[in-house]
């Protein structure tokens, strides 16, 4: 009898937690780069859009917040080719790496008043590249460049062997005003590889505007 009561109590708590789950949409700008000892990578602006669910953890102020994002986590390179190439040139590279990302976060609710609340967040993410663009422009120095390409562009897709499953950590803060929110957060990727171009960790900052249902 006691086991039956406990079982029904657990089912009731689970249903109550699901009933309290809220949802939101997020979108905005990203600033992302890769980290390497060989190259200097610059931050590249991009975009992201997606949705999240806010699942309260019992009666506490903590919530579990999973989501799904489509995000550009690319980078820029501005460098000089070494003489070993046979000809010298400056080159600029723009890399777009569009990834499907699943954030898995924990938040803590801090109420300022009836309309304003803060939610610091910490957790992790999983992401996988689904499309990428590599564009390189060259400016040759002291040589006839007519036989050399001045611009190269290549496209990469999710079924290419260049893509990797990436994972890492995230930390950030959301400010809520009624049903609207602004979130500033930062991803730090793993050494498993973050794009079709580099096997180095990625760093991505998210500036998100949101609406919460």
C-alpha atoms as a PDB file:
ATOM      1  CA  UNK A   1       0.000   0.000   0.000  1.00  0.00           C
ATOM      2  CA  UNK A   2       2.783   2.394   0.948  1.00  0.00           C
ATOM      3  CA  UNK A   3       4.619   1.641  -2.314  1.00  0.00           C
ATOM      4  CA  UNK A   4       1.450   2.411  -4.266  1.00  0.00           C
ATOM      5  CA  UNK A   5       1.047   5.736  -2.472  1.00  0.00           C
ATOM      6  CA  UNK A   6       4.701   6.639  -3.156  1.00  0.00           C
ATOM      7  CA  UNK A   7       4.297   5.702  -6.839  1.00  0.00           C
ATOM      8  CA  UNK A   8       1.191   7.869  -7.216  1.00  0.00           C
ATOM      9  CA  UNK A   9       2.985  10.707  -5.412  1.00  0.00           C
ATOM     10  CA  UNK A  10       5.920  10.514  -7.836  1.00  0.00           C
ATOM     11  CA  UNK A  11       3.578  10.461 -10.819  1.00  0.00           C
ATOM     12  CA  UNK A  12       1.726  13.496  -9.430  1.00  0.00           C
ATOM     13  CA  UNK A  13       4.985  15.423  -8.894  1.00  0.00           C
ATOM     14  CA  UNK A  14       6.144  14.559 -12.440  1.00  0.00           C
ATOM     15  CA  UNK A  15       2.856  15.733 -13.963  1.00  0.00           C
ATOM     16  CA  UNK A  16       3.007  18.930 -11.902  1.00  0.00           C
ATOM     17  CA  UNK A  17       6.569  19.612 -13.062  1.00  0.00           C
ATOM     18  CA  UNK A  18       5.595  19.073 -16.709  1.00  0.00           C
ATOM     19  CA  UNK A  19       2.574  21.345 -16.295  1.00  0.00           C
ATOM     20  CA  UNK A  20       4.843  24.127 -15.003  1.00  0.00           C
ATOM     21  CA  UNK A  21       7.237  23.870 -17.939  1.00  0.00           C
ATOM     22  CA  UNK A  22       7.436  27.075 -19.972  1.00  0.00           C
ATOM     23  CA  UNK A  23       8.857  27.640 -23.435  1.00  0.00           C
ATOM     24  CA  UNK A  24      10.655  30.414 -25.235  1.00  0.00           C
ATOM     25  CA  UNK A  25      12.210  31.422 -28.548  1.00  0.00           C
ATOM     26  CA  UNK A  26      15.675  32.930 -28.806  1.00  0.00           C
ATOM     27  CA  UNK A  27      17.569  34.703 -31.580  1.00  0.00           C
ATOM     28  CA  UNK A  28      20.383  37.152 -32.085  1.00  0.00           C
ATOM     29  CA  UNK A  29      24.075  37.551 -32.811  1.00  0.00           C
ATOM     30  CA  UNK A  30      27.074  35.314 -32.206  1.00  0.00           C
ATOM     31  CA  UNK A  31      30.758  36.241 -31.968  1.00  0.00           C
ATOM     32  CA  UNK A  32      32.886  33.153 -32.484  1.00  0.00           C
ATOM     33  CA  UNK A  33      36.486  32.132 -33.044  1.00  0.00           C
ATOM     34  CA  UNK A  34      38.802  29.114 -32.914  1.00  0.00           C
ATOM     35  CA  UNK A  35      41.862  28.739 -30.719  1.00  0.00           C
ATOM     36  CA  UNK A  36      45.174  27.441 -32.057  1.00  0.00           C
ATOM     37  CA  UNK A  37      48.899  27.719 -31.425  1.00  0.00           C
ATOM     38  CA  UNK A  38      49.620  27.943 -35.177  1.00  0.00           C
ATOM     39  CA  UNK A  39      47.186  30.620 -36.338  1.00  0.00           C
ATOM     40  CA  UNK A  40      45.699  33.794 -34.992  1.00  0.00           C
ATOM     41  CA  UNK A  41      41.932  33.574 -35.303  1.00  0.00           C
ATOM     42  CA  UNK A  42      39.699  36.631 -35.116  1.00  0.00           C
ATOM     43  CA  UNK A  43      36.149  36.815 -33.837  1.00  0.00           C
ATOM     44  CA  UNK A  44      33.536  36.597 -36.571  1.00  0.00           C
ATOM     45  CA  UNK A  45      29.951  37.863 -36.205  1.00  0.00           C
ATOM     46  CA  UNK A  46      27.151  35.443 -37.033  1.00  0.00           C
ATOM     47  CA  UNK A  47      23.539  34.658 -36.175  1.00  0.00           C
ATOM     48  CA  UNK A  48      21.597  32.099 -34.166  1.00  0.00           C
ATOM     49  CA  UNK A  49      17.951  31.196 -33.686  1.00  0.00           C
ATOM     50  CA  UNK A  50      16.194  28.502 -31.672  1.00  0.00           C
ATOM     51  CA  UNK A  51      13.973  27.585 -28.773  1.00  0.00           C
ATOM     52  CA  UNK A  52      14.262  26.493 -25.137  1.00  0.00           C
ATOM     53  CA  UNK A  53      12.153  24.803 -22.473  1.00  0.00           C
ATOM     54  CA  UNK A  54      12.290  25.866 -18.813  1.00  0.00           C
ATOM     55  CA  UNK A  55      11.596  22.890 -16.519  1.00  0.00           C
ATOM     56  CA  UNK A  56      11.373  23.761 -12.780  1.00  0.00           C
ATOM     57  CA  UNK A  57      13.164  21.361 -10.445  1.00  0.00           C
ATOM     58  CA  UNK A  58      10.561  20.739  -7.767  1.00  0.00           C
ATOM     59  CA  UNK A  59       9.787  23.711  -5.548  1.00  0.00           C
ATOM     60  CA  UNK A  60      13.318  25.123  -5.717  1.00  0.00           C
ATOM     61  CA  UNK A  61      14.441  28.164  -7.699  1.00  0.00           C
ATOM     62  CA  UNK A  62      16.502  25.954 -10.011  1.00  0.00           C
ATOM     63  CA  UNK A  63      15.383  24.936 -13.500  1.00  0.00           C
ATOM     64  CA  UNK A  64      16.677  22.583 -16.163  1.00  0.00           C
ATOM     65  CA  UNK A  65      16.745  24.398 -19.528  1.00  0.00           C
ATOM     66  CA  UNK A  66      17.336  22.273 -22.651  1.00  0.00           C
ATOM     67  CA  UNK A  67      17.028  23.756 -26.129  1.00  0.00           C
ATOM     68  CA  UNK A  68      17.799  23.556 -29.840  1.00  0.00           C
ATOM     69  CA  UNK A  69      19.682  26.236 -31.798  1.00  0.00           C
ATOM     70  CA  UNK A  70      20.806  26.801 -35.362  1.00  0.00           C
ATOM     71  CA  UNK A  71      23.995  28.844 -34.992  1.00  0.00           C
ATOM     72  CA  UNK A  72      26.925  30.097 -37.051  1.00  0.00           C
ATOM     73  CA  UNK A  73      30.104  29.393 -35.064  1.00  0.00           C
ATOM     74  CA  UNK A  74      32.790  30.354 -37.574  1.00  0.00           C
ATOM     75  CA  UNK A  75      35.918  32.497 -37.501  1.00  0.00           C
ATOM     76  CA  UNK A  76      38.124  34.915 -39.472  1.00  0.00           C
ATOM     77  CA  UNK A  77      41.831  34.747 -40.288  1.00  0.00           C
ATOM     78  CA  UNK A  78      44.014  37.668 -41.393  1.00  0.00           C
ATOM     79  CA  UNK A  79      47.594  36.492 -41.954  1.00  0.00           C
ATOM     80  CA  UNK A  80      50.697  36.371 -44.148  1.00  0.00           C
ATOM     81  CA  UNK A  81      51.769  33.244 -46.036  1.00  0.00           C
ATOM     82  CA  UNK A  82      55.309  32.076 -45.266  1.00  0.00           C
ATOM     83  CA  UNK A  83      57.977  32.149 -48.050  1.00  0.00           C
ATOM     84  CA  UNK A  84      58.073  28.336 -48.139  1.00  0.00           C
ATOM     85  CA  UNK A  85      54.982  28.453 -50.357  1.00  0.00           C
ATOM     86  CA  UNK A  86      57.136  29.676 -53.289  1.00  0.00           C
ATOM     87  CA  UNK A  87      55.377  33.066 -53.412  1.00  0.00           C
ATOM     88  CA  UNK A  88      54.374  35.474 -50.693  1.00  0.00           C
ATOM     89  CA  UNK A  89      50.881  36.798 -50.122  1.00  0.00           C
ATOM     90  CA  UNK A  90      48.569  38.218 -47.524  1.00  0.00           C
ATOM     91  CA  UNK A  91      45.344  36.333 -47.111  1.00  0.00           C
ATOM     92  CA  UNK A  92      42.003  36.810 -45.414  1.00  0.00           C
ATOM     93  CA  UNK A  93      39.758  33.870 -44.622  1.00  0.00           C
ATOM     94  CA  UNK A  94      36.100  33.927 -43.662  1.00  0.00           C
ATOM     95  CA  UNK A  95      34.705  30.659 -42.267  1.00  0.00           C
ATOM     96  CA  UNK A  96      31.018  30.079 -41.617  1.00  0.00           C
ATOM     97  CA  UNK A  97      30.202  26.890 -39.715  1.00  0.00           C
ATOM     98  CA  UNK A  98      26.457  26.453 -39.311  1.00  0.00           C
ATOM     99  CA  UNK A  99      25.800  24.029 -36.488  1.00  0.00           C
ATOM    100  CA  UNK A 100      22.802  22.381 -34.890  1.00  0.00           C
ATOM    101  CA  UNK A 101      23.322  22.884 -31.165  1.00  0.00           C
ATOM    102  CA  UNK A 102      21.612  21.409 -28.112  1.00  0.00           C
ATOM    103  CA  UNK A 103      22.264  23.407 -24.912  1.00  0.00           C
ATOM    104  CA  UNK A 104      21.702  21.568 -21.610  1.00  0.00           C
ATOM    105  CA  UNK A 105      21.657  24.204 -18.900  1.00  0.00           C
ATOM    106  CA  UNK A 106      20.759  24.764 -15.267  1.00  0.00           C
ATOM    107  CA  UNK A 107      19.453  28.177 -14.174  1.00  0.00           C
ATOM    108  CA  UNK A 108      18.692  29.867 -10.859  1.00  0.00           C
ATOM    109  CA  UNK A 109      15.780  32.296 -10.560  1.00  0.00           C
ATOM    110  CA  UNK A 110      16.461  35.627  -8.804  1.00  0.00           C
ATOM    111  CA  UNK A 111      13.352  37.826  -8.602  1.00  0.00           C
ATOM    112  CA  UNK A 112      14.027  41.563  -8.471  1.00  0.00           C
ATOM    113  CA  UNK A 113      10.346  42.551  -8.512  1.00  0.00           C
ATOM    114  CA  UNK A 114       7.096  41.434 -10.149  1.00  0.00           C
ATOM    115  CA  UNK A 115       8.386  42.240 -13.643  1.00  0.00           C
ATOM    116  CA  UNK A 116      12.154  41.803 -13.532  1.00  0.00           C
ATOM    117  CA  UNK A 117      14.165  38.681 -12.725  1.00  0.00           C
ATOM    118  CA  UNK A 118      17.672  37.415 -13.311  1.00  0.00           C
ATOM    119  CA  UNK A 119      18.658  33.876 -14.267  1.00  0.00           C
ATOM    120  CA  UNK A 120      22.357  32.959 -14.166  1.00  0.00           C
ATOM    121  CA  UNK A 121      23.023  29.781 -16.137  1.00  0.00           C
ATOM    122  CA  UNK A 122      25.664  27.079 -16.307  1.00  0.00           C
ATOM    123  CA  UNK A 123      25.829  23.780 -18.146  1.00  0.00           C
ATOM    124  CA  UNK A 124      26.996  22.192 -21.357  1.00  0.00           C
ATOM    125  CA  UNK A 125      26.125  21.720 -25.006  1.00  0.00           C
ATOM    126  CA  UNK A 126      26.329  19.293 -27.912  1.00  0.00           C
ATOM    127  CA  UNK A 127      26.648  20.507 -31.502  1.00  0.00           C
ATOM    128  CA  UNK A 128      27.201  19.119 -34.981  1.00  0.00           C
ATOM    129  CA  UNK A 129      28.031  20.968 -38.186  1.00  0.00           C
ATOM    130  CA  UNK A 130      25.429  20.742 -40.927  1.00  0.00           C
ATOM    131  CA  UNK A 131      26.788  23.267 -43.439  1.00  0.00           C
ATOM    132  CA  UNK A 132      29.951  25.332 -43.856  1.00  0.00           C
ATOM    133  CA  UNK A 133      31.527  27.883 -46.202  1.00  0.00           C
ATOM    134  CA  UNK A 134      35.262  28.547 -46.534  1.00  0.00           C
ATOM    135  CA  UNK A 135      36.214  31.740 -48.417  1.00  0.00           C
ATOM    136  CA  UNK A 136      39.823  32.883 -48.883  1.00  0.00           C
ATOM    137  CA  UNK A 137      41.033  36.083 -50.572  1.00  0.00           C
ATOM    138  CA  UNK A 138      44.713  36.615 -51.432  1.00  0.00           C
ATOM    139  CA  UNK A 139      46.861  39.682 -52.104  1.00  0.00           C
ATOM    140  CA  UNK A 140      50.154  38.590 -53.711  1.00  0.00           C
ATOM    141  CA  UNK A 141      53.392  40.411 -53.023  1.00  0.00           C
ATOM    142  CA  UNK A 142      56.223  40.978 -55.528  1.00  0.00           C
ATOM    143  CA  UNK A 143      55.112  38.382 -58.078  1.00  0.00           C
ATOM    144  CA  UNK A 144      52.895  38.001 -61.117  1.00  0.00           C
ATOM    145  CA  UNK A 145      49.611  36.768 -59.675  1.00  0.00           C
ATOM    146  CA  UNK A 146      47.929  36.058 -63.017  1.00  0.00           C
ATOM    147  CA  UNK A 147      48.643  32.339 -62.654  1.00  0.00           C
ATOM    148  CA  UNK A 148      47.476  32.147 -59.067  1.00  0.00           C
ATOM    149  CA  UNK A 149      43.928  32.319 -57.680  1.00  0.00           C
ATOM    150  CA  UNK A 150      42.923  35.554 -55.951  1.00  0.00           C
ATOM    151  CA  UNK A 151      39.850  34.031 -54.302  1.00  0.00           C
ATOM    152  CA  UNK A 152      38.812  30.507 -53.374  1.00  0.00           C
ATOM    153  CA  UNK A 153      35.492  29.320 -51.996  1.00  0.00           C
ATOM    154  CA  UNK A 154      34.486  25.824 -50.917  1.00  0.00           C
ATOM    155  CA  UNK A 155      31.279  24.405 -49.456  1.00  0.00           C
ATOM    156  CA  UNK A 156      30.988  21.616 -46.903  1.00  0.00           C
ATOM    157  CA  UNK A 157      27.959  19.565 -45.875  1.00  0.00           C
ATOM    158  CA  UNK A 158      26.962  17.438 -42.894  1.00  0.00           C
ATOM    159  CA  UNK A 159      27.812  14.190 -44.691  1.00  0.00           C
ATOM    160  CA  UNK A 160      31.437  15.263 -45.270  1.00  0.00           C
ATOM    161  CA  UNK A 161      34.094  13.587 -43.150  1.00  0.00           C
ATOM    162  CA  UNK A 162      35.350  17.070 -42.146  1.00  0.00           C
ATOM    163  CA  UNK A 163      32.564  17.637 -39.618  1.00  0.00           C
ATOM    164  CA  UNK A 164      32.867  16.699 -35.959  1.00  0.00           C
ATOM    165  CA  UNK A 165      30.576  16.292 -33.004  1.00  0.00           C
ATOM    166  CA  UNK A 166      31.522  19.035 -30.581  1.00  0.00           C
ATOM    167  CA  UNK A 167      30.748  19.385 -26.904  1.00  0.00           C
ATOM    168  CA  UNK A 168      31.712  21.795 -24.181  1.00  0.00           C
ATOM    169  CA  UNK A 169      30.582  24.115 -21.413  1.00  0.00           C
ATOM    170  CA  UNK A 170      28.432  27.225 -21.225  1.00  0.00           C
ATOM    171  CA  UNK A 171      28.012  30.022 -18.706  1.00  0.00           C
ATOM    172  CA  UNK A 172      25.800  33.083 -18.924  1.00  0.00           C
ATOM    173  CA  UNK A 173      23.106  35.373 -17.542  1.00  0.00           C
ATOM    174  CA  UNK A 174      19.555  36.140 -18.659  1.00  0.00           C
ATOM    175  CA  UNK A 175      17.586  39.267 -17.762  1.00  0.00           C
ATOM    176  CA  UNK A 176      13.797  38.888 -17.956  1.00  0.00           C
ATOM    177  CA  UNK A 177      11.280  41.711 -18.191  1.00  0.00           C
ATOM    178  CA  UNK A 178       7.761  40.297 -18.245  1.00  0.00           C
ATOM    179  CA  UNK A 179       7.777  37.880 -21.205  1.00  0.00           C
ATOM    180  CA  UNK A 180      10.874  39.347 -22.849  1.00  0.00           C
ATOM    181  CA  UNK A 181      14.484  38.419 -22.151  1.00  0.00           C
ATOM    182  CA  UNK A 182      18.064  39.247 -23.031  1.00  0.00           C
ATOM    183  CA  UNK A 183      20.769  36.601 -22.610  1.00  0.00           C
ATOM    184  CA  UNK A 184      24.541  36.951 -22.721  1.00  0.00           C
ATOM    185  CA  UNK A 185      26.369  33.618 -22.631  1.00  0.00           C
ATOM    186  CA  UNK A 186      29.592  31.984 -23.769  1.00  0.00           C
ATOM    187  CA  UNK A 187      30.403  28.516 -25.132  1.00  0.00           C
ATOM    188  CA  UNK A 188      33.848  26.956 -24.818  1.00  0.00           C
ATOM    189  CA  UNK A 189      34.187  23.880 -27.030  1.00  0.00           C
ATOM    190  CA  UNK A 190      36.148  20.706 -26.570  1.00  0.00           C
ATOM    191  CA  UNK A 191      39.270  19.360 -28.229  1.00  0.00           C
ATOM    192  CA  UNK A 192      37.179  16.905 -30.247  1.00  0.00           C
ATOM    193  CA  UNK A 193      36.846  19.386 -33.101  1.00  0.00           C
ATOM    194  CA  UNK A 194      34.396  22.186 -33.678  1.00  0.00           C
ATOM    195  CA  UNK A 195      34.072  22.599 -37.432  1.00  0.00           C
ATOM    196  CA  UNK A 196      35.009  21.329 -40.850  1.00  0.00           C
ATOM    197  CA  UNK A 197      38.156  23.472 -40.756  1.00  0.00           C
ATOM    198  CA  UNK A 198      39.774  23.192 -37.349  1.00  0.00           C
ATOM    199  CA  UNK A 199      40.226  20.576 -34.667  1.00  0.00           C
ATOM    200  CA  UNK A 200      40.802  23.232 -32.036  1.00  0.00           C
ATOM    201  CA  UNK A 201      38.397  24.444 -29.351  1.00  0.00           C
ATOM    202  CA  UNK A 202      35.822  27.019 -30.363  1.00  0.00           C
ATOM    203  CA  UNK A 203      34.762  30.046 -28.370  1.00  0.00           C
ATOM    204  CA  UNK A 204      31.337  31.515 -29.071  1.00  0.00           C
ATOM    205  CA  UNK A 205      29.499  34.363 -27.367  1.00  0.00           C
ATOM    206  CA  UNK A 206      25.721  34.589 -27.736  1.00  0.00           C
ATOM    207  CA  UNK A 207      23.727  37.848 -27.577  1.00  0.00           C
ATOM    208  CA  UNK A 208      20.120  36.672 -27.558  1.00  0.00           C
ATOM    209  CA  UNK A 209      16.765  38.391 -27.491  1.00  0.00           C
ATOM    210  CA  UNK A 210      13.903  36.140 -26.421  1.00  0.00           C
ATOM    211  CA  UNK A 211      10.168  35.857 -25.971  1.00  0.00           C
ATOM    212  CA  UNK A 212       8.784  33.506 -23.351  1.00  0.00           C
ATOM    213  CA  UNK A 213       5.333  31.913 -23.545  1.00  0.00           C
END
